[in-house]
N, C-alpha and C. Protein backbone atom coordinates (compact mmCIF):
# COMPACT_ATOMS: atom_id res chain seq x y z
N MET A 1 19.26 -3.72 -1.28
CA MET A 1 18.62 -3.02 -2.38
C MET A 1 18.83 -1.52 -2.18
N GLU A 2 19.25 -0.86 -3.23
CA GLU A 2 19.46 0.57 -3.15
C GLU A 2 18.12 1.30 -3.07
N LEU A 3 18.12 2.42 -2.37
CA LEU A 3 16.87 3.13 -2.12
C LEU A 3 16.80 4.52 -2.73
N GLU A 4 17.73 4.84 -3.62
CA GLU A 4 17.73 6.17 -4.24
C GLU A 4 16.43 6.45 -4.99
N TRP A 5 15.79 5.41 -5.49
CA TRP A 5 14.55 5.57 -6.25
C TRP A 5 13.48 6.25 -5.42
N MET A 6 13.54 6.11 -4.10
CA MET A 6 12.51 6.70 -3.24
C MET A 6 12.41 8.21 -3.41
N ALA A 7 13.53 8.86 -3.67
CA ALA A 7 13.53 10.31 -3.82
C ALA A 7 12.80 10.75 -5.08
N GLU A 8 12.60 9.83 -6.02
CA GLU A 8 11.94 10.16 -7.29
C GLU A 8 10.44 9.84 -7.29
N GLY A 9 9.95 9.23 -6.22
CA GLY A 9 8.55 8.83 -6.17
C GLY A 9 7.59 10.00 -6.12
N LYS A 10 6.46 9.85 -6.78
CA LYS A 10 5.42 10.88 -6.72
C LYS A 10 4.86 11.01 -5.31
N CYS A 11 5.08 10.02 -4.49
CA CYS A 11 4.56 10.01 -3.13
C CYS A 11 5.38 10.89 -2.18
N ARG A 12 6.53 11.32 -2.62
CA ARG A 12 7.44 12.02 -1.69
C ARG A 12 6.84 13.28 -1.08
N ASP A 13 5.86 13.89 -1.75
CA ASP A 13 5.25 15.11 -1.22
C ASP A 13 3.80 14.88 -0.76
N VAL A 14 3.45 13.61 -0.58
CA VAL A 14 2.09 13.26 -0.17
C VAL A 14 2.15 12.68 1.24
N PRO A 15 1.21 13.02 2.09
CA PRO A 15 1.23 12.46 3.45
C PRO A 15 1.21 10.93 3.42
N PRO A 16 2.03 10.28 4.23
CA PRO A 16 2.08 8.81 4.26
C PRO A 16 0.72 8.18 4.51
N SER A 17 -0.15 8.87 5.23
CA SER A 17 -1.46 8.30 5.53
C SER A 17 -2.25 7.95 4.27
N VAL A 18 -1.97 8.62 3.16
CA VAL A 18 -2.65 8.32 1.90
C VAL A 18 -2.33 6.89 1.45
N PHE A 19 -1.13 6.43 1.74
CA PHE A 19 -0.69 5.11 1.28
C PHE A 19 -0.92 4.01 2.30
N PHE A 20 -1.52 4.37 3.41
CA PHE A 20 -1.87 3.40 4.45
C PHE A 20 -3.34 3.60 4.83
N PRO A 21 -4.24 3.41 3.83
CA PRO A 21 -5.67 3.67 4.04
C PRO A 21 -6.34 2.55 4.84
N ASN A 22 -7.50 2.90 5.35
CA ASN A 22 -8.30 1.92 6.10
C ASN A 22 -9.41 1.32 5.25
N ASP A 23 -9.54 1.76 4.01
CA ASP A 23 -10.64 1.26 3.18
C ASP A 23 -10.24 1.20 1.71
N GLY A 24 -11.07 0.60 0.92
CA GLY A 24 -10.82 0.46 -0.51
C GLY A 24 -10.78 1.78 -1.25
N VAL A 25 -11.54 2.76 -0.78
CA VAL A 25 -11.54 4.07 -1.42
C VAL A 25 -10.15 4.70 -1.28
N GLY A 26 -9.56 4.54 -0.13
CA GLY A 26 -8.22 5.07 0.09
C GLY A 26 -7.19 4.38 -0.79
N VAL A 27 -7.36 3.10 -1.01
CA VAL A 27 -6.45 2.37 -1.89
C VAL A 27 -6.51 2.95 -3.29
N GLU A 28 -7.70 3.24 -3.75
CA GLU A 28 -7.85 3.82 -5.10
C GLU A 28 -7.18 5.18 -5.20
N ALA A 29 -7.25 5.99 -4.16
CA ALA A 29 -6.60 7.30 -4.17
C ALA A 29 -5.09 7.12 -4.29
N ALA A 30 -4.54 6.18 -3.54
CA ALA A 30 -3.10 5.92 -3.60
C ALA A 30 -2.72 5.39 -4.98
N ARG A 31 -3.54 4.50 -5.54
CA ARG A 31 -3.25 3.94 -6.88
C ARG A 31 -3.19 5.02 -7.94
N ARG A 32 -4.05 6.02 -7.83
CA ARG A 32 -4.03 7.11 -8.81
C ARG A 32 -2.71 7.86 -8.77
N ILE A 33 -2.17 8.03 -7.58
CA ILE A 33 -0.87 8.69 -7.45
C ILE A 33 0.22 7.81 -8.04
N CYS A 34 0.14 6.52 -7.79
CA CYS A 34 1.16 5.57 -8.26
C CYS A 34 1.08 5.30 -9.76
N ALA A 35 -0.07 5.53 -10.36
CA ALA A 35 -0.34 5.09 -11.73
C ALA A 35 0.77 5.45 -12.72
N ASP A 36 1.23 6.68 -12.69
CA ASP A 36 2.26 7.08 -13.65
C ASP A 36 3.55 7.50 -12.95
N CYS A 37 3.78 6.91 -11.79
CA CYS A 37 4.99 7.23 -11.03
C CYS A 37 6.21 6.60 -11.73
N PRO A 38 7.29 7.34 -11.85
CA PRO A 38 8.47 6.81 -12.55
C PRO A 38 9.18 5.68 -11.80
N VAL A 39 8.88 5.51 -10.53
CA VAL A 39 9.55 4.46 -9.75
C VAL A 39 8.56 3.41 -9.23
N LYS A 40 7.47 3.24 -9.94
CA LYS A 40 6.44 2.29 -9.54
C LYS A 40 7.00 0.87 -9.44
N ALA A 41 7.76 0.43 -10.42
CA ALA A 41 8.30 -0.94 -10.43
C ALA A 41 9.28 -1.19 -9.28
N PRO A 42 10.27 -0.33 -9.06
CA PRO A 42 11.17 -0.60 -7.94
C PRO A 42 10.47 -0.49 -6.58
N CYS A 43 9.46 0.33 -6.50
CA CYS A 43 8.69 0.46 -5.26
C CYS A 43 7.99 -0.86 -4.95
N LEU A 44 7.34 -1.42 -5.96
CA LEU A 44 6.66 -2.70 -5.77
C LEU A 44 7.66 -3.80 -5.42
N GLU A 45 8.78 -3.84 -6.11
CA GLU A 45 9.80 -4.85 -5.82
C GLU A 45 10.32 -4.73 -4.39
N TYR A 46 10.52 -3.50 -3.95
CA TYR A 46 10.98 -3.26 -2.58
C TYR A 46 10.00 -3.89 -1.58
N ALA A 47 8.71 -3.62 -1.80
CA ALA A 47 7.70 -4.15 -0.88
C ALA A 47 7.65 -5.68 -0.93
N LEU A 48 7.79 -6.25 -2.12
CA LEU A 48 7.76 -7.71 -2.24
C LEU A 48 8.98 -8.36 -1.62
N ILE A 49 10.15 -7.83 -1.91
CA ILE A 49 11.40 -8.40 -1.37
C ILE A 49 11.44 -8.29 0.14
N ASN A 50 10.97 -7.17 0.67
CA ASN A 50 11.02 -6.93 2.11
C ASN A 50 9.75 -7.38 2.83
N ARG A 51 8.85 -8.00 2.10
CA ARG A 51 7.61 -8.53 2.66
C ARG A 51 6.86 -7.49 3.50
N VAL A 52 6.71 -6.31 2.92
CA VAL A 52 5.98 -5.23 3.58
C VAL A 52 4.50 -5.61 3.60
N ASP A 53 3.94 -5.67 4.79
CA ASP A 53 2.57 -6.16 4.96
C ASP A 53 1.50 -5.09 4.81
N HIS A 54 1.85 -3.84 4.98
CA HIS A 54 0.82 -2.79 5.05
C HIS A 54 1.05 -1.72 3.99
N GLY A 55 -0.04 -1.13 3.57
CA GLY A 55 0.02 0.02 2.69
C GLY A 55 0.00 -0.33 1.21
N VAL A 56 -0.03 0.74 0.42
CA VAL A 56 0.01 0.62 -1.04
C VAL A 56 1.43 0.92 -1.47
N TRP A 57 2.03 -0.01 -2.17
CA TRP A 57 3.40 0.12 -2.68
C TRP A 57 3.39 -0.24 -4.16
N GLY A 58 3.96 0.60 -4.98
CA GLY A 58 3.98 0.32 -6.41
C GLY A 58 2.60 0.18 -6.99
N GLY A 59 1.64 0.84 -6.40
CA GLY A 59 0.26 0.79 -6.88
C GLY A 59 -0.50 -0.45 -6.49
N CYS A 60 0.08 -1.30 -5.64
CA CYS A 60 -0.57 -2.55 -5.25
C CYS A 60 -0.91 -2.56 -3.76
N SER A 61 -2.09 -3.07 -3.48
CA SER A 61 -2.53 -3.22 -2.09
C SER A 61 -1.84 -4.42 -1.45
N GLU A 62 -2.07 -4.59 -0.15
CA GLU A 62 -1.50 -5.75 0.56
C GLU A 62 -1.96 -7.05 -0.09
N ARG A 63 -3.23 -7.13 -0.39
CA ARG A 63 -3.80 -8.35 -0.98
C ARG A 63 -3.17 -8.64 -2.34
N GLU A 64 -3.02 -7.61 -3.14
CA GLU A 64 -2.42 -7.81 -4.47
C GLU A 64 -0.96 -8.26 -4.36
N ARG A 65 -0.23 -7.69 -3.41
CA ARG A 65 1.17 -8.11 -3.23
C ARG A 65 1.25 -9.55 -2.75
N ARG A 66 0.34 -9.96 -1.90
CA ARG A 66 0.32 -11.37 -1.46
C ARG A 66 0.08 -12.29 -2.66
N ARG A 67 -0.81 -11.90 -3.55
CA ARG A 67 -1.08 -12.71 -4.75
C ARG A 67 0.16 -12.79 -5.64
N ILE A 68 0.82 -11.67 -5.83
CA ILE A 68 2.04 -11.65 -6.66
C ILE A 68 3.10 -12.55 -6.04
N ALA A 69 3.30 -12.41 -4.74
CA ALA A 69 4.30 -13.23 -4.05
C ALA A 69 3.96 -14.71 -4.16
N ARG A 70 2.69 -15.05 -4.02
CA ARG A 70 2.26 -16.45 -4.13
C ARG A 70 2.53 -16.97 -5.53
N ARG A 71 2.18 -16.20 -6.56
CA ARG A 71 2.44 -16.63 -7.94
C ARG A 71 3.93 -16.84 -8.18
N ARG A 72 4.75 -15.95 -7.64
CA ARG A 72 6.20 -16.10 -7.82
C ARG A 72 6.72 -17.34 -7.11
N ARG A 73 6.21 -17.61 -5.91
CA ARG A 73 6.63 -18.82 -5.19
C ARG A 73 6.24 -20.07 -5.97
N LEU A 74 5.01 -20.09 -6.47
CA LEU A 74 4.55 -21.24 -7.24
C LEU A 74 5.36 -21.42 -8.52
N ALA A 75 5.65 -20.32 -9.20
CA ALA A 75 6.45 -20.40 -10.42
C ALA A 75 7.85 -20.90 -10.10
N GLY A 76 8.41 -20.44 -8.98
CA GLY A 76 9.74 -20.91 -8.56
C GLY A 76 9.73 -22.38 -8.22
N ALA A 77 8.67 -22.84 -7.57
CA ALA A 77 8.57 -24.25 -7.21
C ALA A 77 8.43 -25.11 -8.46
N GLU A 78 7.67 -24.63 -9.43
CA GLU A 78 7.51 -25.37 -10.69
C GLU A 78 8.84 -25.44 -11.44
N THR A 79 9.58 -24.35 -11.43
CA THR A 79 10.89 -24.34 -12.09
C THR A 79 11.84 -25.30 -11.41
N GLU A 80 11.85 -25.28 -10.08
CA GLU A 80 12.72 -26.21 -9.34
C GLU A 80 12.35 -27.66 -9.63
N ALA A 81 11.06 -27.94 -9.67
CA ALA A 81 10.61 -29.31 -9.92
C ALA A 81 11.02 -29.75 -11.33
N ALA A 82 10.89 -28.86 -12.29
CA ALA A 82 11.25 -29.20 -13.67
C ALA A 82 12.75 -29.42 -13.79
N GLU A 83 13.54 -28.61 -13.07
CA GLU A 83 14.99 -28.74 -13.15
C GLU A 83 15.49 -29.99 -12.42
N SER A 84 14.74 -30.48 -11.46
CA SER A 84 15.20 -31.64 -10.69
C SER A 84 14.76 -32.97 -11.29
N LYS A 85 13.89 -32.93 -12.30
CA LYS A 85 13.45 -34.16 -12.95
C LYS A 85 14.59 -34.76 -13.76
N PRO A 86 14.77 -36.06 -13.67
CA PRO A 86 15.83 -36.68 -14.48
C PRO A 86 15.46 -36.63 -15.95
N ALA A 87 16.46 -36.44 -16.77
CA ALA A 87 16.25 -36.39 -18.22
C ALA A 87 15.90 -37.79 -18.70
N SER A 88 14.89 -37.87 -19.55
CA SER A 88 14.51 -39.18 -20.06
C SER A 88 15.42 -39.56 -21.23
N ALA A 89 15.68 -40.85 -21.32
CA ALA A 89 16.60 -41.32 -22.35
C ALA A 89 15.90 -41.71 -23.61
């Protein structure tokens, strides 16, 4: 995955500690920065594809990214199951 998008992030001039908070209040501060970031979507995809466990990426906390990844896995499994079913005559 190309990483040029990182140079366009609103986070580029913010201390990394803001995006690796120890509490929910810190997550909200990071989300406010991410809210209208032009590279929010590729940032989130990067974290999901690379299974980044810590921090706020693309405006999503670790817990939110786990939920997104779980939904995608379930959707993929449902698609695979539907595609593997024999066609009825």
